[in-house]
Amino acid sequence: MLLRLLRILWVITRYRLDTLLPFERLPWPLRTLFRLSPLRLVPIGERSRGERLRLALESLGPIFIKFGQVLSTRRDLLPEDVADELKRLQDQVPPFPGQQAREVVEAELGLSVTEAFARFDTEPLASASIAQVHGARLHGGEEVVVKIIRPGIERVMRQDMALLYRFARLLSLVPEARRLRPVEVVRDYETTLFDELDLHKEAANTSQLKRNFKDSPLLYVPAIHWELTRQRVMVQERIYGVPVADIDALEAQGTDLRKLAERGVEIFFTQVFRDNFFHADMHPGNIFVSRKHPHDPQYIAIDCGIVGSLTREDQDYLARNLLAFFHQDYYEVAALHIESGWVGEHTRANEFAAAIRTVCEPILEKPLKDISFGQVLLGLFQTARRFDMEVQPQLVLLQKTLLNIEGLGRQLYPELDLWQTAKPYLERWMQERAGVKGLWASLKRHAPELSHQLPELPTLAHQALAQAELEKRQRRRQGEALGGIQYQLERQGRRHRRLRLGLLLVALAMAWQPLVEWADGQPWPALVATAIGLLLLAWY
């Protein structure tokens, strides 16, 4: 652990990542600390800042590379030169040797490479943070790709996750950061990240996504060859498409980029709301565009290692929140946040609504094409700090995916109106969910359960009525018992007061003569105080 931490610090020093910090925005103690830091003695070298950041992330391994992949899609948040360099992390991570790849394949399949494939390319087609892909041909003649997990990657990932947990626990000690629930977010990220190490899970996710978009003009998902798929090896149909980030190639083949960008938004909302199963790693390295029908473009999705889903309650709340934003109904947004438990029950809806309005109105007054959903999210997170709003771990993947989609869409078609594209879909989905069609779908979904329970309804109703009557009699008996106890306590209290009064009178009678003699020599305030004390004793 200590060695890994030292390595991270060494990489930061070697590539002078401190120069990427916006010093003018840092608090003065940190600015002073960095100015006096021995890091400033290390030469920056001739590499650009983007190249230094990319090389540092590559050196630190998969968790850091994943972070760089997410950043690479946000050209609206990053300088152009940094975004261009980080884009190379999507499929140009340094590969591991082809001989190692053959050894992993043979160990997993229990077959030699020549027995499993008619051809196996030693040079990889692409190399990513956790796995790399090799081209191959089956003995039946079909062209496939073979995905292979990097040897020894799990050990490095566990070290990095342990460091993230320590950092998250430190953050939890800061009251302002506690609402972000950093430990839960890291735990959720750990689950999704380690799921990528099991290619059986990725293959199952791919099959599910393919089934959801069967014969769809929006999205094509290549088929899995299950007989050659294991935990560290997956064999999949090979696709021939244009990388979605290669804008020049898309324009050269006459692709309708506006339609392509809008279809990306539609695919996202279809996955989230219709299927409740969404591809949560949609960076450009995992998305291609079919070469067929460029005027009616179709996406091709690979690498389904990270997927997400929501509960029906979270789906409803999310859709209603987004629609309320579209309609600028901030009170509804505030009420939904309180109702869903995303902010404390003590929060006043009108105050929360006013705070949200302050953030959103300056943004929504702009033309819709100039609105960034990422900017809205950041503004809302800053506002929510005042109201102790907690980060919802189950929504972190969704937020990350939505930001990826927006960044990708703006690369394809800078005029993309994410909100206007999504609004009709959400309105239609809510109508179907709450209308007759939604009711009928719910009845069909629960039909087997209802058919089993319907014959038992008279018995269940009788049992419920009998239980209600029993509880009513129990409450009556409990009330009578409590009344009896209260009466006894009152009687006992009266007896105690009479006993105290009697004892006090007897004591006064026995001590009358000495008291009279004592009173003759006392000032009147002392006598008044004594009288009040005796009255209080008698009253108590």
Protein backbone atom coordinates (compact mmCIF):
# COMPACT_ATOMS: atom_id res chain seq x y z
CA MET A 1 0.00 0.00 0.00
CA LEU A 2 2.74 2.43 0.98
CA LEU A 3 4.73 1.52 -2.12
CA ARG A 4 1.68 2.18 -4.32
CA LEU A 5 1.12 5.58 -2.68
CA LEU A 6 4.79 6.45 -3.17
CA ARG A 7 4.50 5.43 -6.83
CA ILE A 8 1.51 7.73 -7.32
CA LEU A 9 3.41 10.62 -5.75
CA TRP A 10 6.43 9.82 -7.93
CA VAL A 11 4.29 9.83 -11.11
CA ILE A 12 2.74 13.18 -10.13
CA THR A 13 6.24 14.55 -9.60
CA ARG A 14 7.72 13.02 -12.75
CA TYR A 15 5.05 14.49 -15.03
CA ARG A 16 4.66 17.72 -13.01
CA LEU A 17 0.87 17.36 -12.76
CA ASP A 18 0.90 20.18 -10.19
CA THR A 19 1.22 22.60 -13.14
CA LEU A 20 -2.30 21.60 -14.27
CA LEU A 21 -3.90 23.03 -11.11
CA PRO A 22 -5.64 26.42 -11.39
CA PHE A 23 -3.48 28.16 -8.75
CA GLU A 24 -5.47 31.38 -8.89
CA ARG A 25 -8.58 29.50 -7.65
CA LEU A 26 -6.87 27.73 -4.74
CA PRO A 27 -7.02 29.04 -1.14
CA TRP A 28 -3.96 31.10 -0.25
CA PRO A 29 -2.48 28.46 2.14
CA LEU A 30 -2.43 25.92 -0.71
CA ARG A 31 -0.99 28.47 -3.13
CA THR A 32 1.79 29.19 -0.66
CA LEU A 33 2.40 25.46 -0.09
CA PHE A 34 2.75 24.77 -3.82
CA ARG A 35 5.04 27.77 -4.35
CA LEU A 36 7.38 26.46 -1.65
CA SER A 37 7.07 22.82 -2.80
CA PRO A 38 10.25 21.03 -3.95
CA LEU A 39 8.19 19.87 -6.97
CA ARG A 40 9.06 23.20 -8.60
CA LEU A 41 12.70 22.06 -8.78
CA VAL A 42 11.76 19.20 -11.17
CA PRO A 43 11.94 20.31 -14.84
CA ILE A 44 8.71 20.19 -16.81
CA GLY A 45 10.37 19.03 -20.02
CA GLU A 46 9.21 19.49 -23.62
CA ARG A 47 6.02 17.42 -23.43
CA SER A 48 2.70 19.28 -23.60
CA ARG A 49 0.42 19.37 -20.56
CA GLY A 50 -2.08 17.03 -22.23
CA GLU A 51 0.59 14.47 -23.08
CA ARG A 52 1.99 14.61 -19.53
CA LEU A 53 -1.48 13.99 -18.08
CA ARG A 54 -2.15 11.10 -20.47
CA LEU A 55 1.19 9.42 -19.76
CA ALA A 56 0.67 9.81 -16.01
CA LEU A 57 -2.78 8.19 -16.17
CA GLU A 58 -1.40 5.35 -18.31
CA SER A 59 1.40 4.79 -15.79
CA LEU A 60 -1.02 4.63 -12.86
CA GLY A 61 -3.25 1.91 -14.29
CA PRO A 62 -6.88 1.09 -15.09
CA ILE A 63 -8.72 3.14 -12.46
CA PHE A 64 -6.91 6.31 -13.50
CA ILE A 65 -7.26 5.48 -17.20
CA LYS A 66 -11.03 5.10 -16.72
CA PHE A 67 -11.09 8.57 -15.16
CA GLY A 68 -9.21 9.95 -18.17
CA GLN A 69 -11.64 8.27 -20.56
CA VAL A 70 -14.57 10.02 -18.90
CA LEU A 71 -12.76 13.37 -19.04
CA SER A 72 -11.93 12.90 -22.72
CA THR A 73 -15.59 13.28 -23.75
CA ARG A 74 -16.02 16.64 -22.00
CA ARG A 75 -14.52 19.04 -24.53
CA ASP A 76 -16.80 21.74 -23.16
CA LEU A 77 -14.97 21.46 -19.82
CA LEU A 78 -11.39 20.79 -21.01
CA PRO A 79 -8.91 22.70 -23.17
CA GLU A 80 -8.77 21.33 -26.72
CA ASP A 81 -5.17 20.08 -26.48
CA VAL A 82 -5.84 18.14 -23.25
CA ALA A 83 -9.03 16.57 -24.65
CA ASP A 84 -7.18 15.45 -27.81
CA GLU A 85 -4.52 13.68 -25.76
CA LEU A 86 -6.98 12.03 -23.38
CA LYS A 87 -8.95 10.71 -26.36
CA ARG A 88 -6.01 8.39 -27.02
CA LEU A 89 -6.77 6.58 -23.74
CA GLN A 90 -9.95 5.17 -25.28
CA ASP A 91 -8.23 2.50 -27.36
CA GLN A 92 -4.50 3.30 -27.50
CA VAL A 93 -3.33 2.12 -24.09
CA PRO A 94 0.07 0.35 -24.37
CA PRO A 95 -0.61 -3.38 -25.08
CA PHE A 96 0.80 -6.40 -23.30
CA PRO A 97 2.78 -8.93 -25.41
CA GLY A 98 0.89 -11.13 -27.88
CA GLN A 99 2.57 -14.27 -26.49
CA GLN A 100 1.04 -13.55 -23.09
CA ALA A 101 -2.33 -13.17 -24.77
CA ARG A 102 -1.99 -16.63 -26.38
CA GLU A 103 -1.05 -18.15 -23.01
CA VAL A 104 -4.13 -16.65 -21.30
CA VAL A 105 -6.41 -17.93 -24.11
CA GLU A 106 -5.00 -21.46 -23.92
CA ALA A 107 -5.17 -21.55 -20.12
CA GLU A 108 -8.81 -20.38 -20.09
CA LEU A 109 -10.13 -22.51 -22.98
CA GLY A 110 -8.10 -25.62 -22.21
CA LEU A 111 -7.26 -25.75 -25.93
CA SER A 112 -4.33 -24.66 -28.01
CA VAL A 113 -4.88 -21.52 -30.06
CA THR A 114 -4.73 -23.54 -33.30
CA GLU A 115 -7.42 -25.90 -32.01
CA ALA A 116 -9.73 -23.04 -31.05
CA PHE A 117 -9.16 -20.76 -34.07
CA ALA A 118 -8.24 -21.11 -37.71
CA ARG A 119 -6.29 -17.84 -37.32
CA PHE A 120 -5.25 -15.81 -34.28
CA ASP A 121 -3.56 -12.42 -34.76
CA THR A 122 -0.70 -11.86 -32.33
CA GLU A 123 -0.83 -8.08 -32.81
CA PRO A 124 -3.83 -6.61 -30.93
CA LEU A 125 -6.53 -4.63 -32.71
CA ALA A 126 -6.99 -2.38 -29.68
CA SER A 127 -5.68 -2.16 -26.16
CA ALA A 128 -7.69 -0.70 -23.27
CA SER A 129 -7.17 -0.24 -19.56
CA ILE A 130 -8.39 -3.66 -18.41
CA ALA A 131 -8.28 -5.85 -21.52
CA GLN A 132 -7.09 -5.94 -25.10
CA VAL A 133 -8.65 -7.31 -28.27
CA HIS A 134 -7.14 -9.58 -30.93
CA GLY A 135 -8.56 -10.47 -34.31
CA ALA A 136 -9.22 -14.14 -35.14
CA ARG A 137 -11.13 -16.45 -37.49
CA LEU A 138 -13.15 -19.48 -36.45
CA HIS A 139 -12.75 -22.80 -38.24
CA GLY A 140 -16.19 -22.16 -39.78
CA GLY A 141 -14.80 -19.05 -41.50
CA GLU A 142 -16.46 -16.38 -39.33
CA GLU A 143 -14.35 -13.37 -38.37
CA VAL A 144 -14.35 -12.70 -34.61
CA VAL A 145 -12.54 -10.67 -31.97
CA VAL A 146 -11.03 -12.19 -28.83
CA LYS A 147 -11.08 -10.04 -25.69
CA ILE A 148 -8.45 -10.95 -23.08
CA ILE A 149 -8.08 -9.60 -19.53
CA ARG A 150 -4.64 -8.11 -18.75
CA PRO A 151 -2.50 -10.49 -16.66
CA GLY A 152 -1.98 -9.29 -13.06
CA ILE A 153 -4.46 -6.42 -13.40
CA GLU A 154 -6.58 -7.45 -10.39
CA ARG A 155 -3.73 -6.95 -7.90
CA VAL A 156 -3.07 -3.38 -9.09
CA MET A 157 -6.77 -2.55 -9.03
CA ARG A 158 -7.16 -3.78 -5.45
CA GLN A 159 -4.26 -1.60 -4.34
CA ASP A 160 -5.80 1.45 -6.01
CA MET A 161 -9.23 0.72 -4.54
CA ALA A 162 -7.70 0.45 -1.05
CA LEU A 163 -6.18 3.92 -1.55
CA LEU A 164 -9.52 5.27 -2.78
CA TYR A 165 -11.25 3.86 0.30
CA ARG A 166 -8.73 5.57 2.58
CA PHE A 167 -9.18 8.85 0.76
CA ALA A 168 -12.99 8.46 0.94
CA ARG A 169 -12.86 7.80 4.69
CA LEU A 170 -10.77 10.92 5.16
CA LEU A 171 -13.32 12.89 3.15
CA SER A 172 -16.10 11.49 5.38
CA LEU A 173 -14.50 13.27 8.34
CA VAL A 174 -15.14 16.63 6.66
CA PRO A 175 -18.75 17.72 7.40
CA GLU A 176 -19.13 19.46 4.03
CA ALA A 177 -17.97 16.36 2.12
CA ARG A 178 -19.96 13.86 4.19
CA ARG A 179 -23.16 14.49 2.23
CA LEU A 180 -21.35 13.20 -0.90
CA ARG A 181 -21.26 9.75 0.77
CA PRO A 182 -17.76 9.12 -0.61
CA VAL A 183 -17.35 5.62 0.87
CA GLU A 184 -20.62 4.43 -0.69
CA VAL A 185 -19.70 5.97 -4.05
CA VAL A 186 -16.30 4.24 -4.00
CA ARG A 187 -17.96 0.94 -3.01
CA ASP A 188 -20.39 1.26 -5.93
CA TYR A 189 -17.54 2.10 -8.30
CA GLU A 190 -15.57 -0.91 -7.00
CA THR A 191 -18.47 -3.25 -7.79
CA THR A 192 -18.85 -1.99 -11.35
CA LEU A 193 -15.11 -1.92 -11.98
CA PHE A 194 -14.45 -5.46 -10.75
CA ASP A 195 -17.43 -6.73 -12.75
CA GLU A 196 -15.31 -5.89 -15.81
CA LEU A 197 -12.80 -8.54 -14.77
CA ASP A 198 -15.41 -11.27 -15.31
CA LEU A 199 -16.04 -11.54 -19.04
CA HIS A 200 -18.90 -13.97 -18.37
CA LYS A 201 -20.80 -11.00 -16.95
CA GLU A 202 -19.89 -8.79 -19.88
CA ALA A 203 -21.05 -11.49 -22.30
CA ALA A 204 -24.38 -11.79 -20.45
CA ASN A 205 -24.80 -7.99 -20.48
CA THR A 206 -24.06 -7.93 -24.21
CA SER A 207 -26.66 -10.61 -24.93
CA GLN A 208 -29.26 -8.71 -22.90
CA LEU A 209 -28.54 -5.43 -24.69
CA LYS A 210 -28.67 -7.19 -28.08
CA ARG A 211 -32.05 -8.69 -27.18
CA ASN A 212 -33.39 -5.28 -26.10
CA PHE A 213 -32.47 -3.74 -29.48
CA LYS A 214 -33.21 -6.71 -31.71
CA ASP A 215 -33.91 -5.51 -35.29
CA SER A 216 -33.67 -1.88 -34.12
CA PRO A 217 -32.46 0.78 -36.60
CA LEU A 218 -30.93 2.68 -33.66
CA LEU A 219 -28.37 0.25 -32.27
CA TYR A 220 -26.60 -2.97 -33.28
CA VAL A 221 -24.84 -5.20 -30.73
CA PRO A 222 -22.48 -7.95 -32.00
CA ALA A 223 -23.23 -11.56 -31.01
CA ILE A 224 -21.34 -13.59 -28.39
CA HIS A 225 -19.80 -17.02 -29.06
CA TRP A 226 -20.59 -18.65 -25.74
CA GLU A 227 -18.73 -21.89 -26.44
CA LEU A 228 -15.43 -19.97 -26.48
CA THR A 229 -16.18 -17.52 -23.67
CA ARG A 230 -14.66 -17.85 -20.19
CA GLN A 231 -14.00 -15.58 -17.21
CA ARG A 232 -10.86 -14.00 -18.73
CA VAL A 233 -11.56 -14.61 -22.44
CA MET A 234 -14.57 -13.61 -24.55
CA VAL A 235 -15.10 -14.28 -28.25
CA GLN A 236 -17.48 -11.96 -30.11
CA GLU A 237 -18.64 -11.28 -33.65
CA ARG A 238 -16.30 -8.84 -35.40
CA ILE A 239 -17.86 -5.58 -36.56
CA TYR A 240 -16.65 -3.16 -39.23
CA GLY A 241 -17.74 0.37 -38.40
CA VAL A 242 -16.39 3.89 -38.18
CA PRO A 243 -15.21 5.00 -34.71
CA VAL A 244 -17.72 7.56 -33.52
CA ALA A 245 -14.93 10.03 -32.66
CA ASP A 246 -13.61 9.96 -36.26
CA ILE A 247 -15.68 12.92 -37.44
CA ASP A 248 -13.73 13.28 -40.71
CA ALA A 249 -14.49 9.67 -41.74
CA LEU A 250 -18.17 10.08 -40.81
CA GLU A 251 -18.44 13.25 -42.88
CA ALA A 252 -16.58 11.62 -45.79
CA GLN A 253 -19.19 8.85 -46.03
CA GLY A 254 -22.03 11.40 -45.83
CA THR A 255 -23.31 10.54 -42.35
CA ASP A 256 -26.21 12.65 -41.09
CA LEU A 257 -24.42 13.89 -37.95
CA ARG A 258 -27.46 15.67 -36.52
CA LYS A 259 -29.57 12.55 -36.74
CA LEU A 260 -26.69 10.50 -35.34
CA ALA A 261 -26.34 12.78 -32.29
CA GLU A 262 -30.09 12.82 -31.63
CA ARG A 263 -30.28 9.04 -31.96
CA GLY A 264 -27.57 8.75 -29.31
CA VAL A 265 -29.80 10.65 -26.89
CA GLU A 266 -32.79 8.52 -27.86
CA ILE A 267 -30.81 5.31 -27.29
CA PHE A 268 -29.78 6.49 -23.83
CA PHE A 269 -33.30 7.35 -22.70
CA THR A 270 -34.68 4.16 -24.26
CA GLN A 271 -32.20 2.10 -22.25
CA VAL A 272 -32.89 3.97 -19.01
CA PHE A 273 -36.68 4.24 -19.13
CA ARG A 274 -37.99 1.54 -21.48
CA ASP A 275 -35.53 -1.26 -20.68
CA ASN A 276 -34.13 -0.12 -17.30
CA PHE A 277 -30.79 -1.53 -18.49
CA PHE A 278 -28.23 0.93 -19.81
CA HIS A 279 -24.69 0.74 -21.16
CA ALA A 280 -22.77 2.77 -18.55
CA ASP A 281 -19.37 2.99 -20.29
CA MET A 282 -20.29 4.83 -23.47
CA HIS A 283 -17.03 6.61 -24.16
CA PRO A 284 -16.09 6.98 -27.87
CA GLY A 285 -13.72 3.99 -27.82
CA ASN A 286 -16.72 1.70 -27.27
CA ILE A 287 -19.05 3.22 -29.88
CA PHE A 288 -18.93 2.79 -33.66
CA VAL A 289 -21.20 3.81 -36.51
CA SER A 290 -22.32 1.37 -39.17
CA ARG A 291 -21.04 1.99 -42.69
CA LYS A 292 -24.48 1.06 -44.06
CA HIS A 293 -27.14 3.72 -44.70
CA PRO A 294 -25.15 6.83 -43.64
CA HIS A 295 -28.29 8.97 -44.09
CA ASP A 296 -30.09 6.73 -41.59
CA PRO A 297 -27.13 6.04 -39.26
CA GLN A 298 -27.02 3.15 -36.83
CA TYR A 299 -24.77 2.87 -33.77
CA ILE A 300 -22.75 -0.22 -32.89
CA ALA A 301 -21.99 -0.77 -29.19
CA ILE A 302 -19.24 -2.93 -27.72
CA ASP A 303 -17.71 -3.42 -24.25
CA CYS A 304 -20.78 -3.91 -22.05
CA GLY A 305 -18.75 -4.64 -18.93
CA ILE A 306 -20.39 -1.79 -16.99
CA VAL A 307 -24.18 -1.57 -17.10
CA GLY A 308 -26.66 0.11 -14.80
CA SER A 309 -30.30 -0.10 -13.77
CA LEU A 310 -32.65 1.80 -11.46
CA THR A 311 -35.54 0.87 -9.22
CA ARG A 312 -39.01 1.71 -10.56
CA GLU A 313 -39.26 4.41 -7.89
CA ASP A 314 -35.98 6.02 -8.99
CA GLN A 315 -37.10 5.82 -12.63
CA ASP A 316 -40.32 7.68 -11.81
CA TYR A 317 -38.63 10.32 -9.67
CA LEU A 318 -35.89 10.87 -12.26
CA ALA A 319 -38.34 11.28 -15.15
CA ARG A 320 -40.57 13.63 -13.15
CA ASN A 321 -37.54 15.67 -12.05
CA LEU A 322 -36.27 16.05 -15.62
CA LEU A 323 -39.71 17.05 -16.91
CA ALA A 324 -40.10 19.57 -14.10
CA PHE A 325 -36.74 21.07 -15.13
CA PHE A 326 -37.85 21.22 -18.76
CA HIS A 327 -41.01 23.09 -17.66
CA GLN A 328 -39.05 25.27 -15.19
CA ASP A 329 -41.31 24.08 -12.37
CA TYR A 330 -38.77 24.43 -9.57
CA TYR A 331 -41.25 23.88 -6.75
CA GLU A 332 -42.06 20.47 -8.24
CA VAL A 333 -38.33 19.67 -8.40
CA ALA A 334 -37.92 20.62 -4.73
CA ALA A 335 -41.00 18.64 -3.67
CA LEU A 336 -39.81 15.56 -5.57
CA HIS A 337 -36.39 15.72 -3.92
CA ILE A 338 -37.99 15.89 -0.47
CA GLU A 339 -40.51 13.14 -1.30
CA SER A 340 -37.79 10.82 -2.58
CA GLY A 341 -35.61 11.37 0.49
CA TRP A 342 -32.75 12.91 -1.53
CA VAL A 343 -32.81 15.89 0.86
CA GLY A 344 -33.85 15.95 4.51
CA GLU A 345 -37.53 15.92 5.48
CA HIS A 346 -37.00 19.17 7.40
CA THR A 347 -36.19 21.01 4.15
CA ARG A 348 -38.76 23.66 3.22
CA ALA A 349 -39.82 23.16 -0.39
CA ASN A 350 -40.24 26.88 -1.14
CA GLU A 351 -36.70 27.69 0.07
CA PHE A 352 -35.19 24.79 -1.87
CA ALA A 353 -37.16 25.81 -4.98
CA ALA A 354 -35.88 29.40 -4.71
CA ALA A 355 -32.28 28.14 -4.49
CA ILE A 356 -32.73 25.90 -7.56
CA ARG A 357 -34.32 28.79 -9.47
CA THR A 358 -31.29 30.97 -8.71
CA VAL A 359 -29.00 28.37 -10.33
CA CYS A 360 -31.15 27.40 -13.31
CA GLU A 361 -32.74 30.63 -14.51
CA PRO A 362 -29.51 32.21 -15.82
CA ILE A 363 -28.78 28.99 -17.70
CA LEU A 364 -32.29 28.40 -19.03
CA GLU A 365 -32.52 31.98 -20.27
CA LYS A 366 -29.86 31.08 -22.85
CA PRO A 367 -30.83 29.46 -26.16
CA LEU A 368 -31.41 25.77 -25.51
CA LYS A 369 -28.55 24.77 -27.80
CA ASP A 370 -26.12 26.64 -25.50
CA ILE A 371 -27.21 24.81 -22.34
CA SER A 372 -24.86 22.21 -20.89
CA PHE A 373 -26.47 19.58 -18.69
CA GLY A 374 -23.09 19.15 -17.01
CA GLN A 375 -23.12 22.81 -15.96
CA VAL A 376 -26.64 22.40 -14.56
CA LEU A 377 -25.59 19.35 -12.54
CA LEU A 378 -22.54 21.13 -11.12
CA GLY A 379 -24.63 24.15 -10.15
CA LEU A 380 -27.25 21.98 -8.49
CA PHE A 381 -24.62 20.06 -6.51
CA GLN A 382 -23.21 23.34 -5.20
CA THR A 383 -26.70 24.56 -4.23
CA ALA A 384 -27.64 21.25 -2.62
CA ARG A 385 -24.75 21.65 -0.18
CA ARG A 386 -26.86 24.18 1.76
CA PHE A 387 -29.69 21.68 2.11
CA ASP A 388 -27.61 18.63 3.14
CA MET A 389 -28.49 16.85 -0.10
CA GLU A 390 -26.77 13.45 -0.25
CA VAL A 391 -25.31 11.90 -3.38
CA GLN A 392 -27.35 8.89 -4.46
CA PRO A 393 -24.85 6.09 -5.28
CA GLN A 394 -27.40 4.33 -7.50
CA LEU A 395 -27.51 7.46 -9.71
CA VAL A 396 -23.77 8.04 -10.01
CA LEU A 397 -23.43 5.67 -13.02
CA LEU A 398 -26.41 7.32 -14.66
CA GLN A 399 -24.99 10.82 -14.19
CA LYS A 400 -21.63 9.72 -15.57
CA THR A 401 -23.31 8.11 -18.61
CA LEU A 402 -25.47 11.16 -19.27
CA LEU A 403 -22.40 13.39 -19.21
CA ASN A 404 -20.67 10.98 -21.64
CA ILE A 405 -23.67 11.11 -23.97
CA GLU A 406 -23.81 14.89 -23.89
CA GLY A 407 -20.08 15.19 -24.55
CA LEU A 408 -20.25 12.68 -27.40
CA GLY A 409 -23.29 14.36 -28.92
CA ARG A 410 -21.64 17.77 -28.87
CA GLN A 411 -18.61 16.34 -30.72
CA LEU A 412 -20.87 14.96 -33.46
CA TYR A 413 -23.23 17.93 -33.70
CA PRO A 414 -22.28 21.02 -31.66
CA GLU A 415 -25.82 22.39 -32.01
CA LEU A 416 -27.25 19.34 -30.22
CA ASP A 417 -30.18 20.27 -28.00
CA LEU A 418 -30.06 17.51 -25.42
CA TRP A 419 -33.07 18.73 -23.48
CA GLN A 420 -35.33 19.38 -26.45
CA THR A 421 -34.44 15.94 -27.87
CA ALA A 422 -35.18 14.19 -24.58
CA LYS A 423 -38.34 16.08 -23.60
CA PRO A 424 -40.81 14.47 -26.08
CA TYR A 425 -39.48 11.01 -25.22
CA LEU A 426 -39.90 11.56 -21.48
CA GLU A 427 -43.40 13.02 -21.87
CA ARG A 428 -44.44 10.05 -24.00
CA TRP A 429 -42.93 7.60 -21.50
CA MET A 430 -44.71 9.22 -18.55
CA GLN A 431 -48.03 9.13 -20.42
CA GLU A 432 -47.57 5.44 -21.22
CA ARG A 433 -46.48 4.71 -17.65
CA ALA A 434 -49.40 6.51 -16.00
CA GLY A 435 -52.07 5.95 -18.67
CA VAL A 436 -54.23 3.03 -19.74
CA LYS A 437 -51.34 1.37 -21.58
CA GLY A 438 -49.17 1.52 -18.46
CA LEU A 439 -51.97 0.10 -16.31
CA TRP A 440 -52.54 -2.75 -18.79
CA ALA A 441 -48.78 -3.50 -18.91
CA SER A 442 -48.65 -3.56 -15.11
CA LEU A 443 -51.63 -5.94 -14.98
CA LYS A 444 -49.99 -8.26 -17.53
CA ARG A 445 -46.71 -8.17 -15.62
CA HIS A 446 -48.41 -9.13 -12.35
CA ALA A 447 -50.97 -11.48 -13.93
CA PRO A 448 -49.36 -14.76 -12.70
CA GLU A 449 -49.18 -13.44 -9.15
CA LEU A 450 -52.72 -12.08 -9.28
CA SER A 451 -54.13 -15.32 -10.73
CA HIS A 452 -52.58 -17.19 -7.82
CA GLN A 453 -53.90 -14.74 -5.22
CA LEU A 454 -57.44 -14.13 -6.59
CA PRO A 455 -58.95 -17.42 -5.28
CA GLU A 456 -57.54 -16.60 -1.86
CA LEU A 457 -58.98 -13.07 -1.72
CA PRO A 458 -62.16 -13.99 0.29
CA THR A 459 -60.06 -15.87 2.85
CA LEU A 460 -57.52 -13.04 3.00
CA ALA A 461 -60.30 -10.46 3.40
CA HIS A 462 -61.88 -12.48 6.23
CA GLN A 463 -58.50 -12.84 7.94
CA ALA A 464 -57.83 -9.11 7.57
CA LEU A 465 -61.23 -8.22 9.08
CA ALA A 466 -60.74 -10.71 11.91
CA GLN A 467 -57.27 -9.31 12.57
CA ALA A 468 -58.64 -5.75 12.59
CA GLU A 469 -61.39 -6.75 15.07
CA LEU A 470 -58.84 -8.51 17.29
CA GLU A 471 -56.57 -5.46 17.28
CA LYS A 472 -59.58 -3.25 18.11
CA ARG A 473 -60.45 -5.43 21.15
CA GLN A 474 -56.80 -5.46 22.22
CA ARG A 475 -56.65 -1.66 22.03
CA ARG A 476 -59.87 -1.41 24.09
CA ARG A 477 -58.50 -3.76 26.77
CA GLN A 478 -55.21 -1.86 26.82
CA GLY A 479 -57.13 1.42 27.24
CA GLU A 480 -59.14 -0.01 30.13
CA ALA A 481 -56.00 -1.37 31.78
CA LEU A 482 -54.24 1.98 31.40
CA GLY A 483 -57.29 3.77 32.87
CA GLY A 484 -57.23 1.44 35.89
CA ILE A 485 -53.52 2.01 36.42
CA GLN A 486 -54.00 5.78 36.18
CA TYR A 487 -56.87 5.64 38.76
CA GLN A 488 -54.74 3.61 41.18
CA LEU A 489 -51.83 6.02 40.79
CA GLU A 490 -54.12 8.99 41.51
CA ARG A 491 -55.53 7.29 44.63
CA GLN A 492 -52.06 6.42 45.82
CA GLY A 493 -50.95 10.02 45.25
CA ARG A 494 -53.84 11.38 47.32
CA ARG A 495 -53.03 8.94 50.19
CA HIS A 496 -49.40 10.04 50.13
CA ARG A 497 -50.37 13.73 50.30
CA ARG A 498 -52.69 13.08 53.29
CA LEU A 499 -49.93 11.10 55.02
CA ARG A 500 -47.41 13.90 54.50
CA LEU A 501 -49.86 16.51 55.79
CA GLY A 502 -50.65 14.43 58.87
CA LEU A 503 -46.96 13.89 59.66
CA LEU A 504 -46.32 17.60 59.21
CA LEU A 505 -49.14 18.54 61.64
CA VAL A 506 -47.93 16.04 64.24
CA ALA A 507 -44.38 17.40 63.94
CA LEU A 508 -45.67 20.99 64.37
CA ALA A 509 -47.72 20.04 67.43
CA MET A 510 -44.77 18.31 69.09
CA ALA A 511 -42.39 21.18 68.31
CA TRP A 512 -44.82 24.08 68.88
CA GLN A 513 -43.33 25.42 72.11
CA PRO A 514 -39.70 25.51 70.87
CA LEU A 515 -40.86 27.05 67.60
CA VAL A 516 -42.75 29.88 69.37
CA GLU A 517 -39.68 30.70 71.43
CA TRP A 518 -37.49 30.62 68.30
CA ALA A 519 -39.90 32.84 66.35
CA ASP A 520 -39.86 35.58 69.01
CA GLY A 521 -36.24 36.40 68.19
CA GLN A 522 -36.45 36.19 64.37
CA PRO A 523 -37.00 39.07 61.86
CA TRP A 524 -40.18 38.96 59.78
CA PRO A 525 -38.48 37.89 56.45
CA ALA A 526 -37.24 34.70 58.13
CA LEU A 527 -40.74 33.98 59.44
CA VAL A 528 -42.29 34.52 55.99
CA ALA A 529 -39.73 32.21 54.38
CA THR A 530 -40.43 29.53 57.03
CA ALA A 531 -44.18 29.79 56.40
CA ILE A 532 -43.73 29.47 52.63
CA GLY A 533 -41.49 26.43 53.13
CA LEU A 534 -44.13 24.74 55.35
CA LEU A 535 -46.83 25.47 52.77
CA LEU A 536 -44.72 23.98 49.99
CA LEU A 537 -44.08 20.84 52.07
CA ALA A 538 -47.80 20.48 52.70
CA TRP A 539 -48.66 21.07 48.99
CA TYR A 540 -46.04 18.64 47.64
